[in-house]
PDB file of N, CA and C in Angstrom:
ATOM      1  N   MET A   1     180.243  86.935  84.368  1.00  0.00           N
ATOM      2  CA  MET A   1     180.549  87.647  84.871  1.00  0.00           C
ATOM      3  C   MET A   1     179.668  88.390  86.412  1.00  0.00           C
ATOM      4  N   ALA A   2     180.457  88.858  87.462  1.00  0.00           N
ATOM      5  CA  ALA A   2     179.901  88.524  88.786  1.00  0.00           C
ATOM      6  C   ALA A   2     180.442  90.178  88.613  1.00  0.00           C
ATOM      7  N   TYR A   3     178.731  91.206  89.280  1.00  0.00           N
ATOM      8  CA  TYR A   3     179.498  92.860  89.894  1.00  0.00           C
ATOM      9  C   TYR A   3     178.405  93.022  90.989  1.00  0.00           C
ATOM     10  N   SER A   4     179.057  93.952  91.298  1.00  0.00           N
ATOM     11  CA  SER A   4     178.156  94.836  92.531  1.00  0.00           C
ATOM     12  C   SER A   4     178.314  96.332  92.216  1.00  0.00           C
ATOM     13  N   TYR A   5     176.351  96.808  92.986  1.00  0.00           N
ATOM     14  CA  TYR A   5     176.375  97.831  92.467  1.00  0.00           C
ATOM     15  C   TYR A   5     175.775  98.237  93.681  1.00  0.00           C
ATOM     16  N   ASN A   6     175.650  99.860  93.859  1.00  0.00           N
ATOM     17  CA  ASN A   6     174.949 100.776  94.712  1.00  0.00           C
ATOM     18  C   ASN A   6     173.788 100.694  94.757  1.00  0.00           C
ATOM     19  N   GLU A   7     173.009 100.263  96.085  1.00  0.00           N
ATOM     20  CA  GLU A   7     171.486 100.778  95.621  1.00  0.00           C
ATOM     21  C   GLU A   7     171.381 101.593  97.264  1.00  0.00           C
ATOM     22  N   ILE A   8     170.051 101.803  96.699  1.00  0.00           N
ATOM     23  CA  ILE A   8     169.289 103.127  97.920  1.00  0.00           C
ATOM     24  C   ILE A   8     169.263 102.618  99.758  1.00  0.00           C
ATOM     25  N   ASP A   9     169.087 100.852  99.225  1.00  0.00           N
ATOM     26  CA  ASP A   9     169.541 100.254 100.651  1.00  0.00           C
ATOM     27  C   ASP A   9     171.151  99.747 100.751  1.00  0.00           C
ATOM     28  N   GLY A  10     171.457  99.293  99.937  1.00  0.00           N
ATOM     29  CA  GLY A  10     173.091  98.606 100.271  1.00  0.00           C
ATOM     30  C   GLY A  10     173.843  98.760  99.344  1.00  0.00           C
ATOM     31  N   VAL A  11     174.340  97.730  98.822  1.00  0.00           N
ATOM     32  CA  VAL A  11     175.092  97.589  98.085  1.00  0.00           C
ATOM     33  C   VAL A  11     174.168  96.102  97.592  1.00  0.00           C
ATOM     34  N   GLY A  12     174.416  95.983  96.123  1.00  0.00           N
ATOM     35  CA  GLY A  12     173.715  95.136  95.255  1.00  0.00           C
ATOM     36  C   GLY A  12     174.705  94.133  95.075  1.00  0.00           C
ATOM     37  N   MET A  13     174.121  92.605  94.237  1.00  0.00           N
ATOM     38  CA  MET A  13     175.186  91.936  93.546  1.00  0.00           C
ATOM     39  C   MET A  13     174.278  91.503  92.395  1.00  0.00           C
ATOM     40  N   ARG A  14     174.786  91.093  91.673  1.00  0.00           N
ATOM     41  CA  ARG A  14     174.758  90.373  89.812  1.00  0.00           C
ATOM     42  C   ARG A  14     175.252  89.099  89.614  1.00  0.00           C
ATOM     43  N   PHE A  15     175.344  88.195  89.293  1.00  0.00           N
ATOM     44  CA  PHE A  15     176.126  87.386  87.963  1.00  0.00           C
ATOM     45  C   PHE A  15     175.307  87.259  86.429  1.00  0.00           C
ATOM     46  N   ARG A  16     176.516  87.902  85.123  1.00  0.00           N
ATOM     47  CA  ARG A  16     175.845  87.597  84.006  1.00  0.00           C
ATOM     48  C   ARG A  16     176.489  86.833  83.039  1.00  0.00           C
ATOM     49  N   GLU A  17     175.114  85.886  82.699  1.00  0.00           N
ATOM     50  CA  GLU A  17     175.423  85.119  81.872  1.00  0.00           C
ATOM     51  C   GLU A  17     175.604  85.656  80.719  1.00  0.00           C
ATOM     52  N   ALA A  18     176.734  85.210  79.399  1.00  0.00           N
ATOM     53  CA  ALA A  18     176.462  86.146  77.993  1.00  0.00           C
ATOM     54  C   ALA A  18     176.246  84.915  76.823  1.00  0.00           C
ATOM     55  N   TYR A  19     175.785  86.064  76.164  1.00  0.00           N
ATOM     56  CA  TYR A  19     175.214  85.016  75.318  1.00  0.00           C
ATOM     57  C   TYR A  19     174.748  85.779  73.356  1.00  0.00           C
ATOM     58  N   ASN A  20     174.731  84.516  72.978  1.00  0.00           N
ATOM     59  CA  ASN A  20     174.466  85.123  70.873  1.00  0.00           C
ATOM     60  C   ASN A  20     175.314  86.896  71.094  1.00  0.00           C
ATOM     61  N   GLU A  21     176.715  86.161  71.079  1.00  0.00           N
ATOM     62  CA  GLU A  21     177.318  86.991  70.704  1.00  0.00           C
ATOM     63  C   GLU A  21     178.041  86.666  69.337  1.00  0.00           C
ATOM     64  N   ARG A  22     178.237  88.516  68.235  1.00  0.00           N
ATOM     65  CA  ARG A  22     178.523  88.610  67.034  1.00  0.00           C
ATOM     66  C   ARG A  22     179.211  89.887  66.889  1.00  0.00           C
ATOM     67  N   TYR A  23     179.608  89.957  65.966  1.00  0.00           N
ATOM     68  CA  TYR A  23     180.275  91.077  65.141  1.00  0.00           C
ATOM     69  C   TYR A  23     180.232  91.915  64.587  1.00  0.00           C
ATOM     70  N   ILE A  24     179.978  93.489  64.394  1.00  0.00           N
ATOM     71  CA  ILE A  24     178.901  93.968  63.522  1.00  0.00           C
ATOM     72  C   ILE A  24     180.518  95.056  62.656  1.00  0.00           C
ATOM     73  N   ASN A  25     180.215  94.797  61.959  1.00  0.00           N
ATOM     74  CA  ASN A  25     181.542  95.752  61.403  1.00  0.00           C
ATOM     75  C   ASN A  25     182.710  96.134  62.741  1.00  0.00           C
ATOM     76  N   SER A  26     183.420  95.277  63.481  1.00  0.00           N
ATOM     77  CA  SER A  26     184.298  95.195  64.268  1.00  0.00           C
ATOM     78  C   SER A  26     184.130  95.588  65.629  1.00  0.00           C
ATOM     79  N   LEU A  27     183.130  95.162  65.283  1.00  0.00           N
ATOM     80  CA  LEU A  27     182.318  95.649  66.899  1.00  0.00           C
ATOM     81  C   LEU A  27     181.450  94.620  67.500  1.00  0.00           C
ATOM     82  N   ARG A  28     182.025  94.261  69.090  1.00  0.00           N
ATOM     83  CA  ARG A  28     181.100  92.875  69.741  1.00  0.00           C
ATOM     84  C   ARG A  28     180.353  93.561  70.705  1.00  0.00           C
ATOM     85  N   PHE A  29     179.297  92.161  70.577  1.00  0.00           N
ATOM     86  CA  PHE A  29     177.488  92.975  70.928  1.00  0.00           C
ATOM     87  C   PHE A  29     177.533  91.676  71.483  1.00  0.00           C
ATOM     88  N   VAL A  30     176.587  91.673  72.441  1.00  0.00           N
ATOM     89  CA  VAL A  30     176.667  90.670  73.597  1.00  0.00           C
ATOM     90  C   VAL A  30     175.029  90.521  74.318  1.00  0.00           C
ATOM     91  N   ASP A  31     174.783  89.382  74.558  1.00  0.00           N
ATOM     92  CA  ASP A  31     173.563  89.389  75.200  1.00  0.00           C
ATOM     93  C   ASP A  31     173.658  88.779  76.124  1.00  0.00           C
ATOM     94  N   TYR A  32     173.230  89.909  77.804  1.00  0.00           N
ATOM     95  CA  TYR A  32     173.339  88.711  79.451  1.00  0.00           C
ATOM     96  C   TYR A  32     171.790  87.769  79.513  1.00  0.00           C
ATOM     97  N   SER A  33     171.788  86.896  80.149  1.00  0.00           N
ATOM     98  CA  SER A  33     170.887  86.809  81.392  1.00  0.00           C
ATOM     99  C   SER A  33     171.651  87.452  82.641  1.00  0.00           C
ATOM    100  N   ASN A  34     170.637  88.100  83.453  1.00  0.00           N
ATOM    101  CA  ASN A  34     171.206  88.613  84.530  1.00  0.00           C
ATOM    102  C   ASN A  34     170.639  87.971  85.554  1.00  0.00           C
ATOM    103  N   TYR A  35     171.399  87.885  86.725  1.00  0.00           N
ATOM    104  CA  TYR A  35     170.435  86.508  87.755  1.00  0.00           C
ATOM    105  C   TYR A  35     171.073  87.760  89.021  1.00  0.00           C
ATOM    106  N   LYS A  36     170.227  87.275  90.045  1.00  0.00           N
ATOM    107  CA  LYS A  36     170.189  87.487  90.800  1.00  0.00           C
ATOM    108  C   LYS A  36     169.994  86.914  92.331  1.00  0.00           C
ATOM    109  N   SER A  37     170.725  86.916  93.237  1.00  0.00           N
ATOM    110  CA  SER A  37     171.081  86.238  94.448  1.00  0.00           C
ATOM    111  C   SER A  37     170.129  86.760  95.412  1.00  0.00           C
ATOM    112  N   GLU A  38     168.982  85.719  96.122  1.00  0.00           N
ATOM    113  CA  GLU A  38     168.469  85.839  97.335  1.00  0.00           C
ATOM    114  C   GLU A  38     169.450  85.926  98.920  1.00  0.00           C
ATOM    115  N   ASP A  39     170.287  85.503  98.309  1.00  0.00           N
ATOM    116  CA  ASP A  39     171.280  85.286  99.342  1.00  0.00           C
ATOM    117  C   ASP A  39     172.527  86.066  99.370  1.00  0.00           C
ATOM    118  N   ALA A  40     172.477  87.055 100.414  1.00  0.00           N
ATOM    119  CA  ALA A  40     173.623  88.375 100.086  1.00  0.00           C
ATOM    120  C   ALA A  40     174.161  87.796 101.123  1.00  0.00           C
ATOM    121  N   SER A  41     174.849  86.639 101.830  1.00  0.00           N
ATOM    122  CA  SER A  41     176.088  86.647 102.610  1.00  0.00           C
ATOM    123  C   SER A  41     176.491  85.729 101.377  1.00  0.00           C
ATOM    124  N   ILE A  42     176.405  85.527 100.124  1.00  0.00           N
ATOM    125  CA  ILE A  42     177.305  85.173  99.107  1.00  0.00           C
ATOM    126  C   ILE A  42     178.713  85.850  99.062  1.00  0.00           C
ATOM    127  N   ALA A  43     179.950  85.690  98.887  1.00  0.00           N
ATOM    128  CA  ALA A  43     181.536  86.778  98.558  1.00  0.00           C
ATOM    129  C   ALA A  43     180.694  86.807  97.518  1.00  0.00           C
ATOM    130  N   LEU A  44     181.235  88.023  96.774  1.00  0.00           N
ATOM    131  CA  LEU A  44     181.168  88.632  95.222  1.00  0.00           C
ATOM    132  C   LEU A  44     181.804  87.410  94.202  1.00  0.00           C
ATOM    133  N   GLU A  45     182.998  87.195  94.591  1.00  0.00           N
ATOM    134  CA  GLU A  45     184.450  85.656  93.711  1.00  0.00           C
ATOM    135  C   GLU A  45     183.656  84.990  94.447  1.00  0.00           C
ATOM    136  N   ASN A  46     182.322  84.432  95.265  1.00  0.00           N
ATOM    137  CA  ASN A  46     181.942  82.921  94.832  1.00  0.00           C
ATOM    138  C   ASN A  46     180.659  83.110  93.790  1.00  0.00           C
ATOM    139  N   LEU A  47     179.749  84.429  93.777  1.00  0.00           N
ATOM    140  CA  LEU A  47     178.551  84.240  92.869  1.00  0.00           C
ATOM    141  C   LEU A  47     178.627  83.354  91.945  1.00  0.00           C
ATOM    142  N   GLY A  48     179.694  83.264  91.456  1.00  0.00           N
ATOM    143  CA  GLY A  48     179.214  82.763  90.162  1.00  0.00           C
ATOM    144  C   GLY A  48     179.050  81.554  89.936  1.00  0.00           C
ATOM    145  N   LYS A  49     179.495  80.847  91.115  1.00  0.00           N
ATOM    146  CA  LYS A  49     179.864  79.111  91.039  1.00  0.00           C
ATOM    147  C   LYS A  49     178.482  78.818  92.460  1.00  0.00           C
ATOM    148  N   SER A  50     177.244  79.830  92.247  1.00  0.00           N
ATOM    149  CA  SER A  50     176.201  79.991  92.589  1.00  0.00           C
ATOM    150  C   SER A  50     175.104  79.098  91.808  1.00  0.00           C
ATOM    151  N   PHE A  51     175.785  79.785  90.697  1.00  0.00           N
ATOM    152  CA  PHE A  51     174.548  79.657  89.440  1.00  0.00           C
ATOM    153  C   PHE A  51     175.129  78.522  88.491  1.00  0.00           C
TER     154      PHE A  51
END
């Protein structure tokens, strides 16, 4: 999952990798690893391909 967010100095982008999915009493829990590109020129829709 790739997403953008606001920062003080502009817009940031991250890519999240989900792992350790589990269900407890019908609720879904997932852990995420977050990755941030140092190359701000990558388009959000292509961010996943970079990782």
